[in-house]
C-alpha atoms as a PDB file:
ATOM      1  CA  MET A   1      54.071   1.890 -76.146  1.00  0.00           C
ATOM      2  CA  LEU A   2      50.151   1.711 -77.827  1.00  0.00           C
ATOM      3  CA  GLY A   3      49.126   0.209 -74.575  1.00  0.00           C
ATOM      4  CA  SER A   4      50.335   2.658 -72.169  1.00  0.00           C
ATOM      5  CA  ALA A   5      49.392   5.371 -74.315  1.00  0.00           C
ATOM      6  CA  ALA A   6      46.052   4.335 -73.887  1.00  0.00           C
ATOM      7  CA  VAL A   7      46.051   4.101 -70.621  1.00  0.00           C
ATOM      8  CA  ALA A   8      47.579   7.652 -70.107  1.00  0.00           C
ATOM      9  CA  TYR A   9      44.801   9.270 -72.625  1.00  0.00           C
ATOM     10  CA  CYS A  10      41.991   7.079 -70.651  1.00  0.00           C
ATOM     11  CA  GLY A  11      43.219   8.932 -66.879  1.00  0.00           C
ATOM     12  CA  LEU A  12      43.489  12.286 -68.928  1.00  0.00           C
ATOM     13  CA  ILE A  13      40.337  12.422 -69.784  1.00  0.00           C
ATOM     14  CA  TRP A  14      38.877  10.790 -66.213  1.00  0.00           C
ATOM     15  CA  GLY A  15      41.482  13.573 -64.847  1.00  0.00           C
ATOM     16  CA  ILE A  16      38.272  15.918 -65.473  1.00  0.00           C
ATOM     17  CA  TYR A  17      35.325  13.906 -64.652  1.00  0.00           C
ATOM     18  CA  TRP A  18      34.436  15.557 -61.786  1.00  0.00           C
ATOM     19  CA  LEU A  19      33.237  18.681 -63.830  1.00  0.00           C
ATOM     20  CA  PRO A  20      30.199  16.945 -65.635  1.00  0.00           C
ATOM     21  CA  LEU A  21      29.662  15.109 -62.155  1.00  0.00           C
ATOM     22  CA  ARG A  22      29.093  18.945 -60.143  1.00  0.00           C
ATOM     23  CA  LYS A  23      27.757  20.570 -63.407  1.00  0.00           C
ATOM     24  CA  LEU A  24      25.012  18.010 -63.317  1.00  0.00           C
ATOM     25  CA  ALA A  25      24.143  17.898 -59.734  1.00  0.00           C
ATOM     26  CA  GLU A  26      23.771  21.879 -59.862  1.00  0.00           C
ATOM     27  CA  SER A  27      21.088  21.071 -62.760  1.00  0.00           C
ATOM     28  CA  GLY A  28      19.183  18.458 -60.256  1.00  0.00           C
ATOM     29  CA  PHE A  29      20.878  15.150 -60.827  1.00  0.00           C
ATOM     30  CA  ALA A  30      21.602  15.106 -56.765  1.00  0.00           C
ATOM     31  CA  GLY A  31      24.319  12.793 -55.774  1.00  0.00           C
ATOM     32  CA  SER A  32      24.544   9.502 -57.037  1.00  0.00           C
ATOM     33  CA  TRP A  33      21.701  10.024 -60.187  1.00  0.00           C
ATOM     34  CA  ALA A  34      24.395  11.540 -62.389  1.00  0.00           C
ATOM     35  CA  ASN A  35      26.726   8.280 -62.347  1.00  0.00           C
ATOM     36  CA  ALA A  36      23.664   6.027 -62.944  1.00  0.00           C
ATOM     37  CA  ALA A  37      22.813   8.629 -66.022  1.00  0.00           C
ATOM     38  CA  TYR A  38      25.827   7.996 -67.711  1.00  0.00           C
ATOM     39  CA  PHE A  39      25.100   4.250 -67.659  1.00  0.00           C
ATOM     40  CA  LEU A  40      21.757   4.728 -68.953  1.00  0.00           C
ATOM     41  CA  VAL A  41      22.459   6.960 -72.057  1.00  0.00           C
ATOM     42  CA  SER A  42      25.460   4.575 -72.821  1.00  0.00           C
ATOM     43  CA  THR A  43      23.006   1.889 -73.643  1.00  0.00           C
ATOM     44  CA  PRO A  44      22.324   2.178 -77.636  1.00  0.00           C
ATOM     45  CA  PRO A  45      26.348   1.807 -78.761  1.00  0.00           C
ATOM     46  CA  ILE A  46      27.021  -0.675 -76.042  1.00  0.00           C
ATOM     47  CA  LEU A  47      24.137  -3.311 -77.114  1.00  0.00           C
ATOM     48  CA  VAL A  48      25.649  -2.653 -80.636  1.00  0.00           C
ATOM     49  CA  MET A  49      29.556  -3.638 -78.986  1.00  0.00           C
ATOM     50  CA  GLY A  50      27.204  -6.253 -76.963  1.00  0.00           C
ATOM     51  CA  TRP A  51      25.534  -7.443 -80.277  1.00  0.00           C
ATOM     52  CA  ILE A  52      29.097  -7.976 -82.051  1.00  0.00           C
ATOM     53  CA  ALA A  53      30.734  -9.288 -79.083  1.00  0.00           C
ATOM     54  CA  ARG A  54      27.770 -11.225 -77.591  1.00  0.00           C
ATOM     55  CA  ARG A  55      29.462 -14.994 -78.490  1.00  0.00           C
ATOM     56  CA  GLU A  56      32.634 -14.138 -76.632  1.00  0.00           C
ATOM     57  CA  LEU A  57      30.544 -12.565 -73.651  1.00  0.00           C
ATOM     58  CA  LEU A  58      28.954 -15.755 -73.577  1.00  0.00           C
ATOM     59  CA  LYS A  59      31.226 -17.956 -73.804  1.00  0.00           C
ATOM     60  CA  ASN A  60      33.452 -16.365 -70.542  1.00  0.00           C
ATOM     61  CA  GLY A  61      30.100 -16.740 -68.241  1.00  0.00           C
ATOM     62  CA  TRP A  62      30.700 -16.348 -64.557  1.00  0.00           C
ATOM     63  CA  PRO A  63      34.251 -15.005 -64.492  1.00  0.00           C
ATOM     64  CA  LEU A  64      33.584 -11.755 -67.188  1.00  0.00           C
ATOM     65  CA  PHE A  65      30.137 -11.439 -64.588  1.00  0.00           C
ATOM     66  CA  TRP A  66      31.902 -11.273 -61.418  1.00  0.00           C
ATOM     67  CA  LEU A  67      34.856  -9.213 -62.903  1.00  0.00           C
ATOM     68  CA  SER A  68      32.056  -6.448 -64.912  1.00  0.00           C
ATOM     69  CA  ILE A  69      30.080  -6.280 -61.350  1.00  0.00           C
ATOM     70  CA  ALA A  70      33.736  -5.243 -59.739  1.00  0.00           C
ATOM     71  CA  ASN A  71      34.337  -3.007 -62.495  1.00  0.00           C
ATOM     72  CA  GLY A  72      31.237  -1.137 -61.871  1.00  0.00           C
ATOM     73  CA  THR A  73      31.349  -1.747 -58.352  1.00  0.00           C
ATOM     74  CA  THR A  74      34.916   0.783 -58.509  1.00  0.00           C
ATOM     75  CA  LEU A  75      33.328   3.489 -61.169  1.00  0.00           C
ATOM     76  CA  THR A  76      30.371   3.838 -58.705  1.00  0.00           C
ATOM     77  CA  LEU A  77      32.648   4.397 -55.403  1.00  0.00           C
ATOM     78  CA  TYR A  78      34.792   6.632 -57.217  1.00  0.00           C
ATOM     79  CA  SER A  79      32.341   8.585 -58.977  1.00  0.00           C
ATOM     80  CA  ASN A  80      29.967   9.198 -56.115  1.00  0.00           C
ATOM     81  CA  ALA A  81      33.099  10.045 -54.198  1.00  0.00           C
ATOM     82  CA  TYR A  82      33.312  13.401 -55.771  1.00  0.00           C
ATOM     83  CA  THR A  83      29.529  14.487 -54.465  1.00  0.00           C
ATOM     84  CA  ARG A  84      31.248  13.904 -51.138  1.00  0.00           C
ATOM     85  CA  THR A  85      34.523  14.819 -50.523  1.00  0.00           C
ATOM     86  CA  THR A  86      37.322  17.241 -52.271  1.00  0.00           C
ATOM     87  CA  VAL A  87      38.749  16.625 -55.661  1.00  0.00           C
ATOM     88  CA  PHE A  88      42.041  15.997 -54.210  1.00  0.00           C
ATOM     89  CA  ASN A  89      41.113  13.608 -51.585  1.00  0.00           C
ATOM     90  CA  VAL A  90      39.312  11.792 -54.146  1.00  0.00           C
ATOM     91  CA  LEU A  91      42.237  11.592 -56.571  1.00  0.00           C
ATOM     92  CA  PHE A  92      45.050  11.098 -54.300  1.00  0.00           C
ATOM     93  CA  LEU A  93      42.992   8.063 -51.886  1.00  0.00           C
ATOM     94  CA  PHE A  94      42.293   6.334 -55.564  1.00  0.00           C
ATOM     95  CA  TYR A  95      45.970   6.671 -56.672  1.00  0.00           C
ATOM     96  CA  LEU A  96      47.214   4.499 -53.803  1.00  0.00           C
ATOM     97  CA  SER A  97      46.094   1.786 -56.156  1.00  0.00           C
ATOM     98  CA  PRO A  98      49.676   1.300 -57.627  1.00  0.00           C
ATOM     99  CA  VAL A  99      50.587   0.196 -53.712  1.00  0.00           C
ATOM    100  CA  TRP A 100      47.902  -2.104 -53.185  1.00  0.00           C
ATOM    101  CA  SER A 101      48.989  -4.121 -56.476  1.00  0.00           C
ATOM    102  CA  VAL A 102      51.832  -4.241 -55.072  1.00  0.00           C
ATOM    103  CA  LEU A 103      50.881  -5.760 -51.976  1.00  0.00           C
ATOM    104  CA  ILE A 104      48.311  -8.236 -53.661  1.00  0.00           C
ATOM    105  CA  ALA A 105      51.307  -9.207 -56.653  1.00  0.00           C
ATOM    106  CA  ARG A 106      53.103 -10.068 -52.783  1.00  0.00           C
ATOM    107  CA  PHE A 107      50.300 -11.432 -50.462  1.00  0.00           C
ATOM    108  CA  VAL A 108      47.775 -12.996 -52.953  1.00  0.00           C
ATOM    109  CA  LEU A 109      49.921 -13.764 -56.298  1.00  0.00           C
ATOM    110  CA  ARG A 110      53.416 -14.628 -54.019  1.00  0.00           C
ATOM    111  CA  GLU A 111      55.101 -13.083 -56.427  1.00  0.00           C
ATOM    112  CA  ARG A 112      58.525 -11.668 -55.490  1.00  0.00           C
ATOM    113  CA  ILE A 113      58.525  -7.845 -55.426  1.00  0.00           C
ATOM    114  CA  GLY A 114      61.749  -5.880 -55.721  1.00  0.00           C
ATOM    115  CA  ARG A 115      63.180  -3.155 -52.814  1.00  0.00           C
ATOM    116  CA  ALA A 116      62.443  -0.633 -55.259  1.00  0.00           C
ATOM    117  CA  ARG A 117      59.027  -1.639 -55.177  1.00  0.00           C
ATOM    118  CA  LEU A 118      58.887  -1.773 -51.173  1.00  0.00           C
ATOM    119  CA  VAL A 119      60.711   1.769 -50.842  1.00  0.00           C
ATOM    120  CA  ALA A 120      57.592   2.388 -53.244  1.00  0.00           C
ATOM    121  CA  VAL A 121      54.912   1.075 -50.857  1.00  0.00           C
ATOM    122  CA  GLY A 122      56.210   2.572 -48.001  1.00  0.00           C
ATOM    123  CA  LEU A 123      56.490   6.107 -49.632  1.00  0.00           C
ATOM    124  CA  GLY A 124      52.438   5.484 -50.752  1.00  0.00           C
ATOM    125  CA  LEU A 125      51.759   4.701 -46.773  1.00  0.00           C
ATOM    126  CA  ILE A 126      53.474   7.668 -45.303  1.00  0.00           C
ATOM    127  CA  GLY A 127      51.712  10.304 -47.778  1.00  0.00           C
ATOM    128  CA  LEU A 128      48.375   8.200 -47.135  1.00  0.00           C
ATOM    129  CA  VAL A 129      48.828   8.855 -43.294  1.00  0.00           C
ATOM    130  CA  THR A 130      50.439  12.399 -43.834  1.00  0.00           C
ATOM    131  CA  MET A 131      47.311  13.484 -45.566  1.00  0.00           C
ATOM    132  CA  LEU A 132      45.017  11.812 -43.419  1.00  0.00           C
ATOM    133  CA  SER A 133      45.916  13.403 -40.664  1.00  0.00           C
ATOM    134  CA  ASP A 134      45.928  16.356 -41.231  1.00  0.00           C
ATOM    135  CA  GLY A 135      44.074  18.768 -38.745  1.00  0.00           C
ATOM    136  CA  GLY A 136      44.988  16.368 -35.941  1.00  0.00           C
ATOM    137  CA  GLY A 137      43.422  12.629 -34.932  1.00  0.00           C
ATOM    138  CA  TRP A 138      43.638   9.348 -36.870  1.00  0.00           C
ATOM    139  CA  PRO A 139      45.255   9.140 -39.802  1.00  0.00           C
ATOM    140  CA  ILE A 140      41.723   7.181 -41.180  1.00  0.00           C
ATOM    141  CA  PRO A 141      39.343   8.763 -43.984  1.00  0.00           C
ATOM    142  CA  ARG A 142      37.165  11.088 -42.216  1.00  0.00           C
ATOM    143  CA  ASN A 143      33.891  11.108 -44.392  1.00  0.00           C
ATOM    144  CA  LEU A 144      32.077   8.694 -46.704  1.00  0.00           C
ATOM    145  CA  GLY A 145      33.629  10.185 -50.151  1.00  0.00           C
ATOM    146  CA  ASP A 146      37.262   9.338 -48.439  1.00  0.00           C
ATOM    147  CA  TRP A 147      36.239   5.697 -47.606  1.00  0.00           C
ATOM    148  CA  MET A 148      34.904   5.696 -50.863  1.00  0.00           C
ATOM    149  CA  ALA A 149      37.626   7.042 -53.044  1.00  0.00           C
ATOM    150  CA  LEU A 150      39.924   4.505 -51.007  1.00  0.00           C
ATOM    151  CA  LEU A 151      37.835   1.081 -51.654  1.00  0.00           C
ATOM    152  CA  ALA A 152      37.630   2.462 -55.216  1.00  0.00           C
ATOM    153  CA  GLY A 153      41.316   1.819 -55.857  1.00  0.00           C
ATOM    154  CA  LEU A 154      41.920  -1.336 -53.612  1.00  0.00           C
ATOM    155  CA  PHE A 155      39.131  -2.490 -56.308  1.00  0.00           C
ATOM    156  CA  TRP A 156      40.794  -0.931 -59.541  1.00  0.00           C
ATOM    157  CA  ALA A 157      43.882  -2.714 -58.180  1.00  0.00           C
ATOM    158  CA  ALA A 158      42.305  -6.142 -58.496  1.00  0.00           C
ATOM    159  CA  CYS A 159      40.672  -5.968 -61.500  1.00  0.00           C
ATOM    160  CA  SER A 160      43.567  -4.534 -63.301  1.00  0.00           C
ATOM    161  CA  PHE A 161      44.901  -7.898 -62.326  1.00  0.00           C
ATOM    162  CA  PHE A 162      42.330 -10.337 -63.489  1.00  0.00           C
ATOM    163  CA  ILE A 163      41.891  -8.500 -67.023  1.00  0.00           C
ATOM    164  CA  ARG A 164      45.662  -8.654 -67.390  1.00  0.00           C
ATOM    165  CA  ARG A 165      45.462 -12.587 -66.602  1.00  0.00           C
ATOM    166  CA  ASN A 166      42.810 -12.862 -69.032  1.00  0.00           C
ATOM    167  CA  GLN A 167      43.638 -10.511 -71.849  1.00  0.00           C
ATOM    168  CA  HIS A 168      42.177 -13.091 -74.220  1.00  0.00           C
ATOM    169  CA  ILE A 169      39.066 -11.271 -73.523  1.00  0.00           C
ATOM    170  CA  GLY A 170      38.704  -8.421 -75.876  1.00  0.00           C
ATOM    171  CA  THR A 171      37.880  -5.270 -75.521  1.00  0.00           C
ATOM    172  CA  LEU A 172      34.298  -4.423 -76.557  1.00  0.00           C
ATOM    173  CA  THR A 173      33.711  -7.791 -74.449  1.00  0.00           C
ATOM    174  CA  ASN A 174      35.090  -6.329 -71.381  1.00  0.00           C
ATOM    175  CA  THR A 175      33.740  -2.850 -71.954  1.00  0.00           C
ATOM    176  CA  VAL A 176      29.989  -4.247 -72.158  1.00  0.00           C
ATOM    177  CA  ALA A 177      30.472  -6.322 -69.164  1.00  0.00           C
ATOM    178  CA  PHE A 178      31.204  -3.359 -67.596  1.00  0.00           C
ATOM    179  CA  TYR A 179      28.290  -1.539 -68.108  1.00  0.00           C
ATOM    180  CA  VAL A 180      25.998  -4.781 -67.804  1.00  0.00           C
ATOM    181  CA  GLY A 181      28.288  -4.951 -63.818  1.00  0.00           C
ATOM    182  CA  GLY A 182      28.469  -1.766 -63.428  1.00  0.00           C
ATOM    183  CA  PHE A 183      24.756  -0.444 -64.271  1.00  0.00           C
ATOM    184  CA  TRP A 184      23.024  -1.958 -61.378  1.00  0.00           C
ATOM    185  CA  PRO A 185      25.450  -1.242 -58.667  1.00  0.00           C
ATOM    186  CA  ALA A 186      24.998   2.633 -59.602  1.00  0.00           C
ATOM    187  CA  LEU A 187      21.378   1.952 -59.466  1.00  0.00           C
ATOM    188  CA  LEU A 188      20.592   0.905 -56.492  1.00  0.00           C
ATOM    189  CA  PHE A 189      23.362   2.957 -54.788  1.00  0.00           C
ATOM    190  CA  ALA A 190      21.370   5.691 -56.467  1.00  0.00           C
ATOM    191  CA  LEU A 191      18.188   4.378 -55.011  1.00  0.00           C
ATOM    192  CA  ALA A 192      19.289   3.714 -51.617  1.00  0.00           C
ATOM    193  CA  THR A 193      20.734   6.815 -50.827  1.00  0.00           C
ATOM    194  CA  ASP A 194      18.714   9.413 -52.991  1.00  0.00           C
ATOM    195  CA  GLY A 195      15.484   7.707 -53.736  1.00  0.00           C
ATOM    196  CA  ASP A 196      13.825  10.667 -52.760  1.00  0.00           C
ATOM    197  CA  ARG A 197      15.774  13.084 -55.063  1.00  0.00           C
ATOM    198  CA  ILE A 198      14.763  10.933 -58.046  1.00  0.00           C
ATOM    199  CA  PRO A 199      16.086  13.944 -60.955  1.00  0.00           C
ATOM    200  CA  SER A 200      13.045  16.026 -62.624  1.00  0.00           C
ATOM    201  CA  LEU A 201      11.766  15.793 -66.012  1.00  0.00           C
ATOM    202  CA  ASP A 202      12.821  19.290 -66.573  1.00  0.00           C
ATOM    203  CA  ALA A 203      16.479  18.821 -65.158  1.00  0.00           C
ATOM    204  CA  ILE A 204      16.746  15.230 -66.900  1.00  0.00           C
ATOM    205  CA  ALA A 205      15.481  17.742 -70.431  1.00  0.00           C
ATOM    206  CA  ALA A 206      17.460  20.161 -69.407  1.00  0.00           C
ATOM    207  CA  SER A 207      20.885  17.995 -69.163  1.00  0.00           C
ATOM    208  CA  TRP A 208      20.449  15.697 -71.996  1.00  0.00           C
ATOM    209  CA  PRO A 209      23.136  16.984 -74.231  1.00  0.00           C
ATOM    210  CA  MET A 210      25.949  17.037 -71.725  1.00  0.00           C
ATOM    211  CA  LEU A 211      24.861  13.356 -70.719  1.00  0.00           C
ATOM    212  CA  ILE A 212      25.097  12.068 -74.605  1.00  0.00           C
ATOM    213  CA  GLY A 213      27.903  14.236 -75.473  1.00  0.00           C
ATOM    214  CA  VAL A 214      30.137  13.285 -72.345  1.00  0.00           C
ATOM    215  CA  ALA A 215      29.329   9.156 -72.015  1.00  0.00           C
ATOM    216  CA  TRP A 216      29.709   8.716 -75.814  1.00  0.00           C
ATOM    217  CA  ILE A 217      32.504  11.324 -76.601  1.00  0.00           C
ATOM    218  CA  GLY A 218      34.171  11.130 -73.623  1.00  0.00           C
ATOM    219  CA  TRP A 219      33.016   7.994 -71.370  1.00  0.00           C
ATOM    220  CA  LEU A 220      32.745   5.259 -73.730  1.00  0.00           C
ATOM    221  CA  PRO A 221      36.292   5.716 -75.435  1.00  0.00           C
ATOM    222  CA  SER A 222      38.110   6.494 -72.554  1.00  0.00           C
ATOM    223  CA  GLN A 223      36.761   2.985 -71.251  1.00  0.00           C
ATOM    224  CA  LEU A 224      37.656   1.298 -74.545  1.00  0.00           C
ATOM    225  CA  ALA A 225      41.349   2.476 -74.526  1.00  0.00           C
ATOM    226  CA  LEU A 226      41.569   1.601 -70.554  1.00  0.00           C
ATOM    227  CA  PHE A 227      40.753  -2.708 -71.429  1.00  0.00           C
ATOM    228  CA  TRP A 228      42.248  -2.198 -74.636  1.00  0.00           C
ATOM    229  CA  GLY A 229      45.675  -0.704 -72.478  1.00  0.00           C
ATOM    230  CA  VAL A 230      45.514  -2.549 -69.631  1.00  0.00           C
ATOM    231  CA  SER A 231      45.457  -6.142 -71.360  1.00  0.00           C
ATOM    232  CA  ARG A 232      49.127  -4.781 -72.397  1.00  0.00           C
ATOM    233  CA  ILE A 233      50.666  -3.624 -69.300  1.00  0.00           C
ATOM    234  CA  SER A 234      50.924  -5.067 -66.090  1.00  0.00           C
ATOM    235  CA  PRO A 235      49.100  -3.693 -63.052  1.00  0.00           C
ATOM    236  CA  VAL A 236      51.411  -2.000 -61.319  1.00  0.00           C
ATOM    237  CA  ARG A 237      52.589   0.509 -64.558  1.00  0.00           C
ATOM    238  CA  THR A 238      48.418   0.797 -65.055  1.00  0.00           C
ATOM    239  CA  GLY A 239      48.292   2.378 -62.075  1.00  0.00           C
ATOM    240  CA  ILE A 240      51.183   4.565 -62.585  1.00  0.00           C
ATOM    241  CA  LEU A 241      50.178   5.735 -66.366  1.00  0.00           C
ATOM    242  CA  LEU A 242      46.652   6.410 -64.452  1.00  0.00           C
ATOM    243  CA  MET A 243      48.177   8.983 -62.850  1.00  0.00           C
ATOM    244  CA  THR A 244      48.041  11.123 -65.492  1.00  0.00           C
ATOM    245  CA  GLU A 245      44.687  11.283 -64.121  1.00  0.00           C
ATOM    246  CA  ILE A 246      46.087  13.587 -61.136  1.00  0.00           C
ATOM    247  CA  VAL A 247      47.659  15.750 -63.304  1.00  0.00           C
ATOM    248  CA  SER A 248      44.627  16.977 -65.887  1.00  0.00           C
ATOM    249  CA  GLY A 249      42.500  16.160 -62.459  1.00  0.00           C
ATOM    250  CA  VAL A 250      44.594  18.806 -60.008  1.00  0.00           C
ATOM    251  CA  ALA A 251      45.204  21.560 -62.608  1.00  0.00           C
ATOM    252  CA  THR A 252      41.568  21.463 -63.295  1.00  0.00           C
ATOM    253  CA  ALA A 253      40.223  21.060 -59.642  1.00  0.00           C
ATOM    254  CA  ALA A 254      43.101  23.582 -58.121  1.00  0.00           C
ATOM    255  CA  TRP A 255      41.743  26.491 -60.695  1.00  0.00           C
ATOM    256  CA  LEU A 256      37.768  25.721 -61.172  1.00  0.00           C
ATOM    257  CA  SER A 257      36.522  23.840 -58.704  1.00  0.00           C
ATOM    258  CA  GLY A 258      37.427  25.848 -55.262  1.00  0.00           C
ATOM    259  CA  ASP A 259      37.948  23.067 -52.890  1.00  0.00           C
ATOM    260  CA  PRO A 260      40.483  23.656 -49.791  1.00  0.00           C
ATOM    261  CA  ILE A 261      43.854  21.718 -49.705  1.00  0.00           C
ATOM    262  CA  SER A 262      46.095  22.682 -46.813  1.00  0.00           C
ATOM    263  CA  LEU A 263      50.069  22.347 -47.067  1.00  0.00           C
ATOM    264  CA  GLN A 264      50.102  18.771 -45.150  1.00  0.00           C
ATOM    265  CA  GLN A 265      47.510  17.191 -47.716  1.00  0.00           C
ATOM    266  CA  ALA A 266      49.768  18.651 -50.741  1.00  0.00           C
ATOM    267  CA  ILE A 267      53.001  16.756 -49.047  1.00  0.00           C
ATOM    268  CA  GLY A 268      50.706  13.484 -48.270  1.00  0.00           C
ATOM    269  CA  GLY A 269      49.643  13.547 -51.846  1.00  0.00           C
ATOM    270  CA  ALA A 270      53.063  14.444 -53.305  1.00  0.00           C
ATOM    271  CA  LEU A 271      54.408  11.302 -51.695  1.00  0.00           C
ATOM    272  CA  ILE A 272      51.527   8.764 -52.968  1.00  0.00           C
ATOM    273  CA  LEU A 273      52.391  10.562 -56.640  1.00  0.00           C
ATOM    274  CA  ALA A 274      56.275   9.982 -56.105  1.00  0.00           C
ATOM    275  CA  ALA A 275      55.694   6.384 -54.411  1.00  0.00           C
ATOM    276  CA  GLY A 276      53.967   5.854 -58.278  1.00  0.00           C
ATOM    277  CA  LEU A 277      56.628   7.803 -59.970  1.00  0.00           C
ATOM    278  CA  GLY A 278      59.251   5.658 -57.998  1.00  0.00           C
ATOM    279  CA  ASP A 279      58.295   2.625 -59.515  1.00  0.00           C
ATOM    280  CA  VAL A 280      57.791   2.968 -62.977  1.00  0.00           C
ATOM    281  CA  LEU A 281      61.498   4.536 -62.975  1.00  0.00           C
ATOM    282  CA  THR A 282      62.801   1.587 -61.270  1.00  0.00           C
ATOM    283  CA  THR A 283      61.044  -1.857 -62.656  1.00  0.00           C
ATOM    284  CA  ARG A 284      61.210  -2.958 -65.756  1.00  0.00           C
ATOM    285  CA  GLU A 285      58.698  -4.212 -67.596  1.00  0.00           C
ATOM    286  CA  ARG A 286      58.568  -7.648 -67.690  1.00  0.00           C
ATOM    287  CA  PRO A 287      56.610  -8.828 -71.305  1.00  0.00           C
ATOM    288  CA  VAL A 288      53.218 -10.643 -71.411  1.00  0.00           C
ATOM    289  CA  PRO A 289      54.817 -14.515 -72.422  1.00  0.00           C
ATOM    290  CA  ALA A 290      53.066 -15.436 -75.366  1.00  0.00           C
ATOM    291  CA  PRO A 291      50.837 -18.982 -75.609  1.00  0.00           C
ATOM    292  CA  ILE A 292      52.802 -21.912 -76.207  1.00  0.00           C
ATOM    293  CA  PRO A 293      52.173 -23.850 -79.152  1.00  0.00           C
ATOM    294  CA  VAL A 294      51.068 -27.568 -78.979  1.00  0.00           C
ATOM    295  CA  THR A 295      51.176 -30.117 -81.589  1.00  0.00           C
ATOM    296  CA  VAL A 296      48.393 -32.206 -81.435  1.00  0.00           C
ATOM    297  CA  ALA A 297      48.931 -35.758 -83.811  1.00  0.00           C
ATOM    298  CA  PRO A 298      46.389 -37.224 -85.780  1.00  0.00           C
ATOM    299  CA  ASP A 299      44.185 -39.438 -85.043  1.00  0.00           C
END
């Protein structure tokens, strides 16, 4: 229950993440530089966490490194999608992640999938086609932001499986690895896409309080809660509980963003949400098996 509550809390926080991103864009942090700036201002607390978790970081080596790159790439895609498409599209396309989780469990991990989850996959895919076919044409993402949100959800589904299967890795270690793995994709993406629009010193000075506040009070604590919770519940349930982000995100976007949403897009988004909710209501959570104790005979 506590793990589920931690993941749901993270979703609520991330649902309003688009607000500071757009505020920073208005203040002179063009495009992808806002995402890179959040990583940069998080360095002091991350250094403290890294010192505390230094032994575990070294112990887990390359598997943790690759997970950190995948996690960081997920956030880079997700954050930058907000500056390239509507808030609604980002939220609904990213939250196809429960569908990807089910498909990964079946075709990659060879796990048995019940009928209820197959129905959830079908609903999610129908919702995707409905949303993307709005206005006619092929039901595929229409712009770079749509593709980034879709890929971010796929990356996150894969990451959540790895975190779940390596729950011996501590929360601090995962958070530090996420920072290290995310900083470089964020910086390289900013240089590649907005290298000619580096924020001015005036923009940095004006935005510094917001960057520190969002990163230290919202961003890092929510990541700690996420990694702590994800290691205690299933990847599919993780995807469901993170849908609290849709609740806070859609509510704030409808009120503050000014982004348009058609009736067909809303129906498609509702089907995607129904797919996730239907899965959690019809699937029983399986506890993670405890390690089997081994008795070692004396020499």
